PDB file of N, CA and C in Angstrom:
ATOM      1  N   MET A   1      83.448 154.618  77.569  1.00  0.00           N
ATOM      2  CA  MET A   1      82.179 154.724  77.121  1.00  0.00           C
ATOM      3  C   MET A   1      81.369 153.423  76.899  1.00  0.00           C
ATOM      4  N   ASN A   2      80.311 152.870  77.380  1.00  0.00           N
ATOM      5  CA  ASN A   2      79.442 151.435  77.154  1.00  0.00           C
ATOM      6  C   ASN A   2      79.489 151.500  75.402  1.00  0.00           C
ATOM      7  N   LYS A   3      79.532 150.086  75.292  1.00  0.00           N
ATOM      8  CA  LYS A   3      78.790 149.448  74.183  1.00  0.00           C
ATOM      9  C   LYS A   3      77.450 150.222  73.483  1.00  0.00           C
ATOM     10  N   ARG A   4      76.786 149.989  75.122  1.00  0.00           N
ATOM     11  CA  ARG A   4      74.929 150.339  73.855  1.00  0.00           C
ATOM     12  C   ARG A   4      75.350 152.107  73.503  1.00  0.00           C
ATOM     13  N   LEU A   5      75.421 152.941  74.533  1.00  0.00           N
ATOM     14  CA  LEU A   5      75.597 154.344  74.203  1.00  0.00           C
ATOM     15  C   LEU A   5      76.598 154.376  73.075  1.00  0.00           C
ATOM     16  N   LEU A   6      77.373 154.063  72.771  1.00  0.00           N
ATOM     17  CA  LEU A   6      78.109 154.260  71.377  1.00  0.00           C
ATOM     18  C   LEU A   6      77.698 153.208  70.120  1.00  0.00           C
ATOM     19  N   MET A   7      76.767 152.770  70.733  1.00  0.00           N
ATOM     20  CA  MET A   7      76.234 151.892  69.625  1.00  0.00           C
ATOM     21  C   MET A   7      75.074 152.732  69.130  1.00  0.00           C
ATOM     22  N   ASP A   8      74.222 153.232  70.390  1.00  0.00           N
ATOM     23  CA  ASP A   8      72.856 154.275  70.318  1.00  0.00           C
ATOM     24  C   ASP A   8      73.644 155.906  69.499  1.00  0.00           C
ATOM     25  N   THR A   9      74.732 156.276  69.740  1.00  0.00           N
ATOM     26  CA  THR A   9      75.099 157.189  69.172  1.00  0.00           C
ATOM     27  C   THR A   9      75.744 157.483  67.904  1.00  0.00           C
ATOM     28  N   VAL A  10      77.240 157.207  68.343  1.00  0.00           N
ATOM     29  CA  VAL A  10      77.730 156.916  67.002  1.00  0.00           C
ATOM     30  C   VAL A  10      77.041 156.180  65.729  1.00  0.00           C
ATOM     31  N   GLY A  11      76.897 154.146  66.536  1.00  0.00           N
ATOM     32  CA  GLY A  11      76.422 153.349  65.248  1.00  0.00           C
ATOM     33  C   GLY A  11      74.921 154.184  64.900  1.00  0.00           C
ATOM     34  N   TRP A  12      73.939 154.243  65.282  1.00  0.00           N
ATOM     35  CA  TRP A  12      72.754 154.444  64.922  1.00  0.00           C
ATOM     36  C   TRP A  12      72.824 155.838  64.239  1.00  0.00           C
ATOM     37  N   GLY A  13      73.347 156.843  64.694  1.00  0.00           N
ATOM     38  CA  GLY A  13      73.705 157.738  64.670  1.00  0.00           C
ATOM     39  C   GLY A  13      74.296 158.203  62.319  1.00  0.00           C
ATOM     40  N   PHE A  14      75.325 157.216  62.528  1.00  0.00           N
ATOM     41  CA  PHE A  14      76.249 157.238  61.499  1.00  0.00           C
ATOM     42  C   PHE A  14      75.112 155.654  60.097  1.00  0.00           C
ATOM     43  N   ILE A  15      74.880 154.922  60.647  1.00  0.00           N
ATOM     44  CA  ILE A  15      73.108 154.024  60.037  1.00  0.00           C
ATOM     45  C   ILE A  15      72.442 154.910  59.474  1.00  0.00           C
ATOM     46  N   LEU A  16      71.843 155.865  60.175  1.00  0.00           N
ATOM     47  CA  LEU A  16      70.851 156.836  59.744  1.00  0.00           C
ATOM     48  C   LEU A  16      71.594 157.736  58.858  1.00  0.00           C
ATOM     49  N   TRP A  17      72.681 158.322  58.598  1.00  0.00           N
ATOM     50  CA  TRP A  17      73.224 158.925  57.974  1.00  0.00           C
ATOM     51  C   TRP A  17      73.490 158.715  56.630  1.00  0.00           C
ATOM     52  N   LEU A  18      74.032 157.001  56.637  1.00  0.00           N
ATOM     53  CA  LEU A  18      73.910 156.501  55.597  1.00  0.00           C
ATOM     54  C   LEU A  18      72.897 156.048  54.567  1.00  0.00           C
ATOM     55  N   ILE A  19      71.765 155.662  55.395  1.00  0.00           N
ATOM     56  CA  ILE A  19      70.615 155.319  54.677  1.00  0.00           C
ATOM     57  C   ILE A  19      70.378 156.295  53.979  1.00  0.00           C
ATOM     58  N   GLY A  20      70.467 157.788  54.190  1.00  0.00           N
ATOM     59  CA  GLY A  20      69.864 158.598  53.894  1.00  0.00           C
ATOM     60  C   GLY A  20      70.644 159.076  52.814  1.00  0.00           C
ATOM     61  N   TYR A  21      71.654 158.891  52.704  1.00  0.00           N
ATOM     62  CA  TYR A  21      72.986 159.112  52.203  1.00  0.00           C
ATOM     63  C   TYR A  21      72.423 158.381  50.692  1.00  0.00           C
ATOM     64  N   VAL A  22      72.690 157.198  50.989  1.00  0.00           N
ATOM     65  CA  VAL A  22      72.236 156.478  49.899  1.00  0.00           C
ATOM     66  C   VAL A  22      71.004 156.589  49.209  1.00  0.00           C
ATOM     67  N   LEU A  23      70.136 156.661  49.791  1.00  0.00           N
ATOM     68  CA  LEU A  23      68.891 157.066  49.178  1.00  0.00           C
ATOM     69  C   LEU A  23      69.158 157.955  48.478  1.00  0.00           C
ATOM     70  N   GLY A  24      69.617 158.593  48.430  1.00  0.00           N
ATOM     71  CA  GLY A  24      69.646 160.382  47.940  1.00  0.00           C
ATOM     72  C   GLY A  24      70.616 159.734  46.696  1.00  0.00           C
ATOM     73  N   ILE A  25      71.594 158.815  46.584  1.00  0.00           N
ATOM     74  CA  ILE A  25      71.829 158.577  45.566  1.00  0.00           C
ATOM     75  C   ILE A  25      71.492 158.020  44.205  1.00  0.00           C
ATOM     76  N   VAL A  26      70.524 156.758  45.135  1.00  0.00           N
ATOM     77  CA  VAL A  26      69.655 156.177  44.073  1.00  0.00           C
ATOM     78  C   VAL A  26      68.694 156.779  43.438  1.00  0.00           C
ATOM     79  N   LEU A  27      68.072 157.688  44.326  1.00  0.00           N
ATOM     80  CA  LEU A  27      66.827 158.607  43.952  1.00  0.00           C
ATOM     81  C   LEU A  27      67.492 159.610  43.234  1.00  0.00           C
ATOM     82  N   PHE A  28      68.406 160.224  42.914  1.00  0.00           N
ATOM     83  CA  PHE A  28      68.772 161.528  42.169  1.00  0.00           C
ATOM     84  C   PHE A  28      68.641 161.128  40.764  1.00  0.00           C
ATOM     85  N   VAL A  29      68.862 159.738  39.903  1.00  0.00           N
ATOM     86  CA  VAL A  29      68.624 159.873  39.282  1.00  0.00           C
ATOM     87  C   VAL A  29      66.842 159.563  38.023  1.00  0.00           C
ATOM     88  N   PHE A  30      66.018 159.618  38.913  1.00  0.00           N
ATOM     89  CA  PHE A  30      64.896 160.033  39.599  1.00  0.00           C
ATOM     90  C   PHE A  30      64.008 161.143  39.784  1.00  0.00           C
ATOM     91  N   VAL A  31      64.681 161.634  40.689  1.00  0.00           N
ATOM     92  CA  VAL A  31      64.187 163.058  41.381  1.00  0.00           C
ATOM     93  C   VAL A  31      64.811 164.317  40.662  1.00  0.00           C
ATOM     94  N   PRO A  32      64.381 165.678  40.957  1.00  0.00           N
ATOM     95  CA  PRO A  32      65.032 167.006  40.203  1.00  0.00           C
ATOM     96  C   PRO A  32      66.142 167.039  41.906  1.00  0.00           C
ATOM     97  N   SER A  33      66.603 167.397  42.027  1.00  0.00           N
ATOM     98  CA  SER A  33      67.737 167.688  42.601  1.00  0.00           C
ATOM     99  C   SER A  33      67.413 168.536  43.919  1.00  0.00           C
ATOM    100  N   ALA A  34      66.237 169.362  43.282  1.00  0.00           N
ATOM    101  CA  ALA A  34      65.910 170.531  44.000  1.00  0.00           C
ATOM    102  C   ALA A  34      64.664 169.832  44.800  1.00  0.00           C
ATOM    103  N   LEU A  35      63.670 168.675  44.406  1.00  0.00           N
ATOM    104  CA  LEU A  35      63.061 168.090  45.785  1.00  0.00           C
ATOM    105  C   LEU A  35      63.696 166.517  46.379  1.00  0.00           C
ATOM    106  N   LEU A  36      64.561 166.143  45.797  1.00  0.00           N
ATOM    107  CA  LEU A  36      65.622 165.275  46.579  1.00  0.00           C
ATOM    108  C   LEU A  36      65.501 165.551  48.149  1.00  0.00           C
ATOM    109  N   GLY A  37      65.437 166.342  49.051  1.00  0.00           N
ATOM    110  CA  GLY A  37      65.304 166.111  50.226  1.00  0.00           C
ATOM    111  C   GLY A  37      64.312 166.089  50.907  1.00  0.00           C
ATOM    112  N   TRP A  38      63.146 166.686  50.374  1.00  0.00           N
ATOM    113  CA  TRP A  38      62.080 166.886  50.498  1.00  0.00           C
ATOM    114  C   TRP A  38      61.259 165.008  50.213  1.00  0.00           C
ATOM    115  N   VAL A  39      61.986 164.158  49.640  1.00  0.00           N
ATOM    116  CA  VAL A  39      61.631 163.112  48.894  1.00  0.00           C
ATOM    117  C   VAL A  39      61.926 162.074  49.749  1.00  0.00           C
ATOM    118  N   ILE A  40      63.408 162.500  50.950  1.00  0.00           N
ATOM    119  CA  ILE A  40      63.821 161.722  51.238  1.00  0.00           C
ATOM    120  C   ILE A  40      63.744 161.839  52.866  1.00  0.00           C
ATOM    121  N   MET A  41      63.348 163.083  53.441  1.00  0.00           N
ATOM    122  CA  MET A  41      62.881 162.791  54.714  1.00  0.00           C
ATOM    123  C   MET A  41      61.831 162.105  55.422  1.00  0.00           C
ATOM    124  N   PRO A  42      60.440 162.413  54.563  1.00  0.00           N
ATOM    125  CA  PRO A  42      59.470 160.890  55.543  1.00  0.00           C
ATOM    126  C   PRO A  42      60.085 159.846  55.178  1.00  0.00           C
ATOM    127  N   ILE A  43      60.595 159.898  54.618  1.00  0.00           N
ATOM    128  CA  ILE A  43      61.221 158.096  54.780  1.00  0.00           C
ATOM    129  C   ILE A  43      62.324 158.057  55.648  1.00  0.00           C
ATOM    130  N   GLY A  44      63.024 159.152  55.755  1.00  0.00           N
ATOM    131  CA  GLY A  44      63.975 158.783  57.172  1.00  0.00           C
ATOM    132  C   GLY A  44      63.400 159.674  58.246  1.00  0.00           C
ATOM    133  N   ILE A  45      62.195 159.989  58.314  1.00  0.00           N
ATOM    134  CA  ILE A  45      61.571 160.456  59.776  1.00  0.00           C
ATOM    135  C   ILE A  45      61.212 159.253  60.044  1.00  0.00           C
ATOM    136  N   VAL A  46      60.408 158.649  59.331  1.00  0.00           N
ATOM    137  CA  VAL A  46      59.801 156.975  59.441  1.00  0.00           C
ATOM    138  C   VAL A  46      61.032 156.013  60.223  1.00  0.00           C
ATOM    139  N   ILE A  47      61.781 156.168  59.650  1.00  0.00           N
ATOM    140  CA  ILE A  47      63.012 155.503  59.976  1.00  0.00           C
ATOM    141  C   ILE A  47      63.807 155.300  61.036  1.00  0.00           C
ATOM    142  N   THR A  48      64.055 156.963  61.134  1.00  0.00           N
ATOM    143  CA  THR A  48      64.236 157.381  62.728  1.00  0.00           C
ATOM    144  C   THR A  48      63.697 157.039  63.999  1.00  0.00           C
ATOM    145  N   LEU A  49      62.151 157.708  63.315  1.00  0.00           N
ATOM    146  CA  LEU A  49      61.319 156.974  64.591  1.00  0.00           C
ATOM    147  C   LEU A  49      61.194 155.756  65.083  1.00  0.00           C
ATOM    148  N   TRP A  50      61.072 154.400  64.191  1.00  0.00           N
ATOM    149  CA  TRP A  50      61.384 153.171  63.756  1.00  0.00           C
ATOM    150  C   TRP A  50      62.925 153.101  65.252  1.00  0.00           C
ATOM    151  N   VAL A  51      64.026 153.294  65.079  1.00  0.00           N
ATOM    152  CA  VAL A  51      65.252 153.089  65.359  1.00  0.00           C
ATOM    153  C   VAL A  51      65.080 153.811  67.435  1.00  0.00           C
ATOM    154  N   LEU A  52      64.674 155.119  67.461  1.00  0.00           N
ATOM    155  CA  LEU A  52      64.361 155.502  68.483  1.00  0.00           C
ATOM    156  C   LEU A  52      63.161 154.873  69.411  1.00  0.00           C
ATOM    157  N   LEU A  53      62.191 154.241  68.656  1.00  0.00           N
ATOM    158  CA  LEU A  53      61.001 153.760  69.479  1.00  0.00           C
ATOM    159  C   LEU A  53      61.455 151.787  69.487  1.00  0.00           C
ATOM    160  N   LYS A  54      62.407 151.247  68.558  1.00  0.00           N
ATOM    161  CA  LYS A  54      62.364 149.873  68.457  1.00  0.00           C
ATOM    162  C   LYS A  54      63.751 149.305  69.125  1.00  0.00           C
ATOM    163  N   LYS A  55      64.712 150.381  68.924  1.00  0.00           N
ATOM    164  CA  LYS A  55      66.000 149.956  69.521  1.00  0.00           C
ATOM    165  C   LYS A  55      66.810 150.839  70.274  1.00  0.00           C
ATOM    166  N   ILE A  56      65.883 152.048  70.610  1.00  0.00           N
ATOM    167  CA  ILE A  56      67.015 152.973  71.623  1.00  0.00           C
ATOM    168  C   ILE A  56      66.174 152.393  73.364  1.00  0.00           C
ATOM    169  N   LYS A  57      66.943 152.094  73.987  1.00  0.00           N
ATOM    170  CA  LYS A  57      66.013 151.268  75.278  1.00  0.00           C
ATOM    171  C   LYS A  57      66.561 152.380  76.250  1.00  0.00           C
ATOM    172  N   SER A  58      66.757 153.507  76.384  1.00  0.00           N
ATOM    173  CA  SER A  58      67.151 154.053  77.460  1.00  0.00           C
ATOM    174  C   SER A  58      65.922 154.894  77.981  1.00  0.00           C
ATOM    175  N   ARG A  59      65.336 155.222  78.991  1.00  0.00           N
ATOM    176  CA  ARG A  59      64.520 155.725  79.748  1.00  0.00           C
ATOM    177  C   ARG A  59      64.324 157.254  79.875  1.00  0.00           C
ATOM    178  N   SER A  60      65.996 157.947  79.835  1.00  0.00           N
ATOM    179  CA  SER A  60      66.418 159.165  80.646  1.00  0.00           C
ATOM    180  C   SER A  60      66.499 160.378  79.351  1.00  0.00           C
ATOM    181  N   LEU A  61      65.677 160.950  79.871  1.00  0.00           N
ATOM    182  CA  LEU A  61      65.440 162.088  78.874  1.00  0.00           C
ATOM    183  C   LEU A  61      67.362 162.771  78.643  1.00  0.00           C
ATOM    184  N   ARG A  62      67.596 163.079  79.389  1.00  0.00           N
ATOM    185  CA  ARG A  62      69.061 163.332  79.366  1.00  0.00           C
ATOM    186  C   ARG A  62      70.157 162.219  77.649  1.00  0.00           C
ATOM    187  N   TYR A  63      70.037 161.100  77.838  1.00  0.00           N
ATOM    188  CA  TYR A  63      70.473 160.012  77.159  1.00  0.00           C
ATOM    189  C   TYR A  63      69.621 160.737  75.357  1.00  0.00           C
ATOM    190  N   TYR A  64      68.901 160.929  75.212  1.00  0.00           N
ATOM    191  CA  TYR A  64      67.714 161.267  73.959  1.00  0.00           C
ATOM    192  C   TYR A  64      68.161 162.819  73.879  1.00  0.00           C
ATOM    193  N   LEU A  65      68.797 163.044  74.665  1.00  0.00           N
ATOM    194  CA  LEU A  65      69.451 164.627  74.071  1.00  0.00           C
ATOM    195  C   LEU A  65      70.570 164.323  73.846  1.00  0.00           C
ATOM    196  N   LEU A  66      71.278 163.811  73.798  1.00  0.00           N
ATOM    197  CA  LEU A  66      72.938 163.159  73.851  1.00  0.00           C
ATOM    198  C   LEU A  66      72.413 162.427  71.896  1.00  0.00           C
ATOM    199  N   LEU A  67      71.927 161.625  72.146  1.00  0.00           N
ATOM    200  CA  LEU A  67      71.514 161.091  70.789  1.00  0.00           C
ATOM    201  C   LEU A  67      71.100 162.416  70.145  1.00  0.00           C
ATOM    202  N   GLY A  68      70.224 163.493  69.740  1.00  0.00           N
ATOM    203  CA  GLY A  68      70.114 164.410  69.354  1.00  0.00           C
ATOM    204  C   GLY A  68      71.322 165.120  68.644  1.00  0.00           C
ATOM    205  N   VAL A  69      72.043 165.237  69.936  1.00  0.00           N
ATOM    206  CA  VAL A  69      73.095 166.088  69.805  1.00  0.00           C
ATOM    207  C   VAL A  69      74.394 165.425  69.035  1.00  0.00           C
ATOM    208  N   ILE A  70      74.724 164.103  68.985  1.00  0.00           N
ATOM    209  CA  ILE A  70      75.310 163.314  68.390  1.00  0.00           C
ATOM    210  C   ILE A  70      74.996 163.010  66.999  1.00  0.00           C
ATOM    211  N   TRP A  71      73.889 162.903  66.994  1.00  0.00           N
ATOM    212  CA  TRP A  71      73.214 162.300  65.496  1.00  0.00           C
ATOM    213  C   TRP A  71      73.379 163.532  64.393  1.00  0.00           C
ATOM    214  N   THR A  72      73.342 164.837  65.004  1.00  0.00           N
ATOM    215  CA  THR A  72      73.115 166.072  64.234  1.00  0.00           C
ATOM    216  C   THR A  72      74.607 166.287  63.927  1.00  0.00           C
ATOM    217  N   LEU A  73      75.363 166.109  64.926  1.00  0.00           N
ATOM    218  CA  LEU A  73      76.650 166.434  64.483  1.00  0.00           C
ATOM    219  C   LEU A  73      77.556 165.534  63.503  1.00  0.00           C
ATOM    220  N   ILE A  74      76.420 164.168  63.700  1.00  0.00           N
ATOM    221  CA  ILE A  74      77.392 163.282  62.303  1.00  0.00           C
ATOM    222  C   ILE A  74      76.736 163.703  61.120  1.00  0.00           C
ATOM    223  N   ALA A  75      75.259 164.296  61.344  1.00  0.00           N
ATOM    224  CA  ALA A  75      74.488 164.954  60.076  1.00  0.00           C
ATOM    225  C   ALA A  75      75.461 165.861  59.486  1.00  0.00           C
ATOM    226  N   ILE A  76      75.856 166.548  60.145  1.00  0.00           N
ATOM    227  CA  ILE A  76      76.324 167.738  59.570  1.00  0.00           C
ATOM    228  C   ILE A  76      77.644 167.580  58.947  1.00  0.00           C
ATOM    229  N   PHE A  77      78.700 167.084  60.071  1.00  0.00           N
ATOM    230  CA  PHE A  77      79.952 166.369  59.871  1.00  0.00           C
ATOM    231  C   PHE A  77      80.396 165.625  57.755  1.00  0.00           C
ATOM    232  N   PHE A  78      79.293 164.980  58.094  1.00  0.00           N
ATOM    233  CA  PHE A  78      79.039 163.723  57.352  1.00  0.00           C
ATOM    234  C   PHE A  78      78.650 164.461  55.871  1.00  0.00           C
ATOM    235  N   ASP A  79      77.613 164.856  55.446  1.00  0.00           N
ATOM    236  CA  ASP A  79      77.181 165.484  54.917  1.00  0.00           C
ATOM    237  C   ASP A  79      78.011 167.145  54.092  1.00  0.00           C
ATOM    238  N   TYR A  80      78.761 167.641  55.096  1.00  0.00           N
ATOM    239  CA  TYR A  80      79.630 168.421  54.791  1.00  0.00           C
ATOM    240  C   TYR A  80      80.845 167.677  53.400  1.00  0.00           C
ATOM    241  N   ILE A  81      81.373 166.581  54.259  1.00  0.00           N
ATOM    242  CA  ILE A  81      82.130 166.409  53.245  1.00  0.00           C
ATOM    243  C   ILE A  81      81.982 165.260  52.438  1.00  0.00           C
ATOM    244  N   PHE A  82      80.871 164.650  52.517  1.00  0.00           N
ATOM    245  CA  PHE A  82      80.499 163.654  51.320  1.00  0.00           C
ATOM    246  C   PHE A  82      79.263 164.152  50.435  1.00  0.00           C
ATOM    247  N   LEU A  83      78.803 165.646  51.046  1.00  0.00           N
ATOM    248  CA  LEU A  83      78.309 166.140  49.587  1.00  0.00           C
ATOM    249  C   LEU A  83      78.630 167.499  49.451  1.00  0.00           C
ATOM    250  N   VAL A  84      78.333 168.153  50.002  1.00  0.00           N
ATOM    251  CA  VAL A  84      79.576 169.423  49.929  1.00  0.00           C
ATOM    252  C   VAL A  84      80.553 169.819  48.890  1.00  0.00           C
ATOM    253  N   LYS A  85      82.209 168.931  49.744  1.00  0.00           N
ATOM    254  CA  LYS A  85      82.985 168.300  49.028  1.00  0.00           C
ATOM    255  C   LYS A  85      82.980 167.973  48.580  1.00  0.00           C
ATOM    256  N   LEU A  86      82.482 166.364  47.956  1.00  0.00           N
ATOM    257  CA  LEU A  86      82.812 165.574  46.915  1.00  0.00           C
ATOM    258  C   LEU A  86      82.079 166.035  46.206  1.00  0.00           C
ATOM    259  N   PHE A  87      80.604 166.381  46.137  1.00  0.00           N
ATOM    260  CA  PHE A  87      80.289 166.091  44.803  1.00  0.00           C
ATOM    261  C   PHE A  87      79.455 168.007  44.876  1.00  0.00           C
ATOM    262  N   LYS A  88      80.354 169.158  45.070  1.00  0.00           N
ATOM    263  CA  LYS A  88      80.200 170.164  45.070  1.00  0.00           C
ATOM    264  C   LYS A  88      79.242 170.726  44.152  1.00  0.00           C
ATOM    265  N   PRO A  89      77.985 170.969  44.847  1.00  0.00           N
ATOM    266  CA  PRO A  89      76.831 170.774  44.188  1.00  0.00           C
ATOM    267  C   PRO A  89      76.742 171.942  43.420  1.00  0.00           C
ATOM    268  N   SER A  90      76.166 173.070  42.626  1.00  0.00           N
ATOM    269  CA  SER A  90      75.943 173.903  41.746  1.00  0.00           C
ATOM    270  C   SER A  90      75.485 174.893  42.168  1.00  0.00           C
ATOM    271  N   ASP A  91      74.505 174.506  42.878  1.00  0.00           N
ATOM    272  CA  ASP A  91      73.127 175.212  43.009  1.00  0.00           C
ATOM    273  C   ASP A  91      73.581 175.159  44.792  1.00  0.00           C
ATOM    274  N   GLY A  92      74.363 175.090  45.502  1.00  0.00           N
ATOM    275  CA  GLY A  92      74.517 174.892  46.584  1.00  0.00           C
ATOM    276  C   GLY A  92      73.743 173.639  47.636  1.00  0.00           C
ATOM    277  N   TYR A  93      73.920 173.220  49.206  1.00  0.00           N
ATOM    278  CA  TYR A  93      72.960 172.253  49.652  1.00  0.00           C
ATOM    279  C   TYR A  93      72.606 172.668  50.494  1.00  0.00           C
ATOM    280  N   TYR A  94      73.037 173.599  50.951  1.00  0.00           N
ATOM    281  CA  TYR A  94      71.865 174.053  52.432  1.00  0.00           C
ATOM    282  C   TYR A  94      71.015 174.932  51.957  1.00  0.00           C
ATOM    283  N   LYS A  95      70.002 174.790  52.041  1.00  0.00           N
ATOM    284  CA  LYS A  95      67.902 174.837  51.406  1.00  0.00           C
ATOM    285  C   LYS A  95      67.241 175.106  52.719  1.00  0.00           C
ATOM    286  N   LEU A  96      65.951 175.242  52.960  1.00  0.00           N
ATOM    287  CA  LEU A  96      65.551 174.890  54.055  1.00  0.00           C
ATOM    288  C   LEU A  96      65.136 173.014  54.435  1.00  0.00           C
ATOM    289  N   ASP A  97      65.471 172.545  53.214  1.00  0.00           N
ATOM    290  CA  ASP A  97      64.907 170.885  53.364  1.00  0.00           C
ATOM    291  C   ASP A  97      66.341 170.323  54.382  1.00  0.00           C
ATOM    292  N   VAL A  98      67.514 170.835  54.050  1.00  0.00           N
ATOM    293  CA  VAL A  98      68.863 170.392  54.923  1.00  0.00           C
ATOM    294  C   VAL A  98      68.382 170.904  55.904  1.00  0.00           C
ATOM    295  N   TYR A  99      68.431 172.023  56.353  1.00  0.00           N
ATOM    296  CA  TYR A  99      68.522 173.348  57.639  1.00  0.00           C
ATOM    297  C   TYR A  99      66.994 172.341  58.568  1.00  0.00           C
ATOM    298  N   LEU A 100      65.803 172.022  57.715  1.00  0.00           N
ATOM    299  CA  LEU A 100      64.658 171.042  58.419  1.00  0.00           C
ATOM    300  C   LEU A 100      65.172 169.791  58.650  1.00  0.00           C
ATOM    301  N   TYR A 101      66.174 169.005  57.870  1.00  0.00           N
ATOM    302  CA  TYR A 101      66.656 167.405  58.408  1.00  0.00           C
ATOM    303  C   TYR A 101      67.542 167.552  59.723  1.00  0.00           C
ATOM    304  N   TYR A 102      68.795 169.140  59.290  1.00  0.00           N
ATOM    305  CA  TYR A 102      68.840 168.894  61.160  1.00  0.00           C
ATOM    306  C   TYR A 102      68.325 169.490  61.991  1.00  0.00           C
ATOM    307  N   ILE A 103      67.644 169.904  62.241  1.00  0.00           N
ATOM    308  CA  ILE A 103      66.768 170.368  63.405  1.00  0.00           C
ATOM    309  C   ILE A 103      65.565 169.256  63.572  1.00  0.00           C
ATOM    310  N   LEU A 104      65.192 168.501  62.740  1.00  0.00           N
ATOM    311  CA  LEU A 104      64.442 167.026  62.692  1.00  0.00           C
ATOM    312  C   LEU A 104      64.912 166.180  63.618  1.00  0.00           C
ATOM    313  N   THR A 105      66.809 165.983  62.967  1.00  0.00           N
ATOM    314  CA  THR A 105      67.632 164.827  63.888  1.00  0.00           C
ATOM    315  C   THR A 105      67.870 165.359  64.739  1.00  0.00           C
ATOM    316  N   PHE A 106      67.878 166.549  65.787  1.00  0.00           N
ATOM    317  CA  PHE A 106      68.337 166.926  66.811  1.00  0.00           C
ATOM    318  C   PHE A 106      66.568 166.723  67.589  1.00  0.00           C
ATOM    319  N   LEU A 107      65.637 167.405  67.422  1.00  0.00           N
ATOM    320  CA  LEU A 107      64.237 167.278  67.820  1.00  0.00           C
ATOM    321  C   LEU A 107      63.692 165.912  67.882  1.00  0.00           C
ATOM    322  N   LEU A 108      63.772 164.800  66.831  1.00  0.00           N
ATOM    323  CA  LEU A 108      62.748 163.743  67.044  1.00  0.00           C
ATOM    324  C   LEU A 108      63.117 162.796  68.192  1.00  0.00           C
ATOM    325  N   PRO A 109      64.887 162.981  68.622  1.00  0.00           N
ATOM    326  CA  PRO A 109      64.957 162.035  69.804  1.00  0.00           C
ATOM    327  C   PRO A 109      64.679 162.498  71.014  1.00  0.00           C
ATOM    328  N   LEU A 110      64.234 164.393  70.791  1.00  0.00           N
ATOM    329  CA  LEU A 110      63.911 164.893  72.060  1.00  0.00           C
ATOM    330  C   LEU A 110      62.325 164.492  72.635  1.00  0.00           C
ATOM    331  N   ALA A 111      62.021 164.091  71.095  1.00  0.00           N
ATOM    332  CA  ALA A 111      60.407 164.185  71.352  1.00  0.00           C
ATOM    333  C   ALA A 111      60.252 162.557  71.778  1.00  0.00           C
ATOM    334  N   VAL A 112      60.726 161.938  71.485  1.00  0.00           N
ATOM    335  CA  VAL A 112      60.340 160.414  71.659  1.00  0.00           C
ATOM    336  C   VAL A 112      60.815 160.193  72.911  1.00  0.00           C
ATOM    337  N   GLY A 113      62.240 160.587  73.584  1.00  0.00           N
ATOM    338  CA  GLY A 113      62.429 160.800  74.831  1.00  0.00           C
ATOM    339  C   GLY A 113      61.677 161.036  76.452  1.00  0.00           C
ATOM    340  N   ARG A 114      61.133 162.547  75.210  1.00  0.00           N
ATOM    341  CA  ARG A 114      59.975 163.657  76.464  1.00  0.00           C
ATOM    342  C   ARG A 114      58.451 162.318  76.604  1.00  0.00           C
ATOM    343  N   ARG A 115      58.090 161.727  75.648  1.00  0.00           N
ATOM    344  CA  ARG A 115      57.204 160.449  75.374  1.00  0.00           C
ATOM    345  C   ARG A 115      57.050 159.594  76.391  1.00  0.00           C
ATOM    346  N   ILE A 116      59.001 158.818  76.134  1.00  0.00           N
ATOM    347  CA  ILE A 116      58.836 158.271  77.273  1.00  0.00           C
ATOM    348  C   ILE A 116      58.973 157.829  78.391  1.00  0.00           C
ATOM    349  N   LYS A 117      59.626 159.464  78.801  1.00  0.00           N
ATOM    350  CA  LYS A 117      59.984 159.671  80.037  1.00  0.00           C
ATOM    351  C   LYS A 117      58.059 159.978  80.943  1.00  0.00           C
ATOM    352  N   THR A 118      57.519 160.416  80.403  1.00  0.00           N
ATOM    353  CA  THR A 118      55.933 160.658  80.929  1.00  0.00           C
ATOM    354  C   THR A 118      54.805 159.341  80.641  1.00  0.00           C
ATOM    355  N   GLN A 119      55.422 158.176  80.626  1.00  0.00           N
ATOM    356  CA  GLN A 119      54.177 157.501  80.439  1.00  0.00           C
ATOM    357  C   GLN A 119      54.786 156.856  81.752  1.00  0.00           C
TER     358      GLN A 119
END
């Protein structure tokens, strides 16, 4: 696996997850837990689009599909370990905002890849 592919998949996937995780911890003090995901999501979308448009250099739709798959797997894995298992939320973790977050994590790279491919 080349360095660029590793950084784009695992590197950016982890960095994007970590940004959301840190935002969640910081905002937890100010935002009701039921709304936390909805507050973080627009910020995450903007940051993810910035990464996809400015940092990812591929023109292959297949590459963007790989990003979507790896980033989503990273999000699911680290959410489970560091949110579900570590914090054991009393009202549960998996709600509509989380499922939407996983869907967007998969679809945003595909949408950007498709846009770049058709340009």
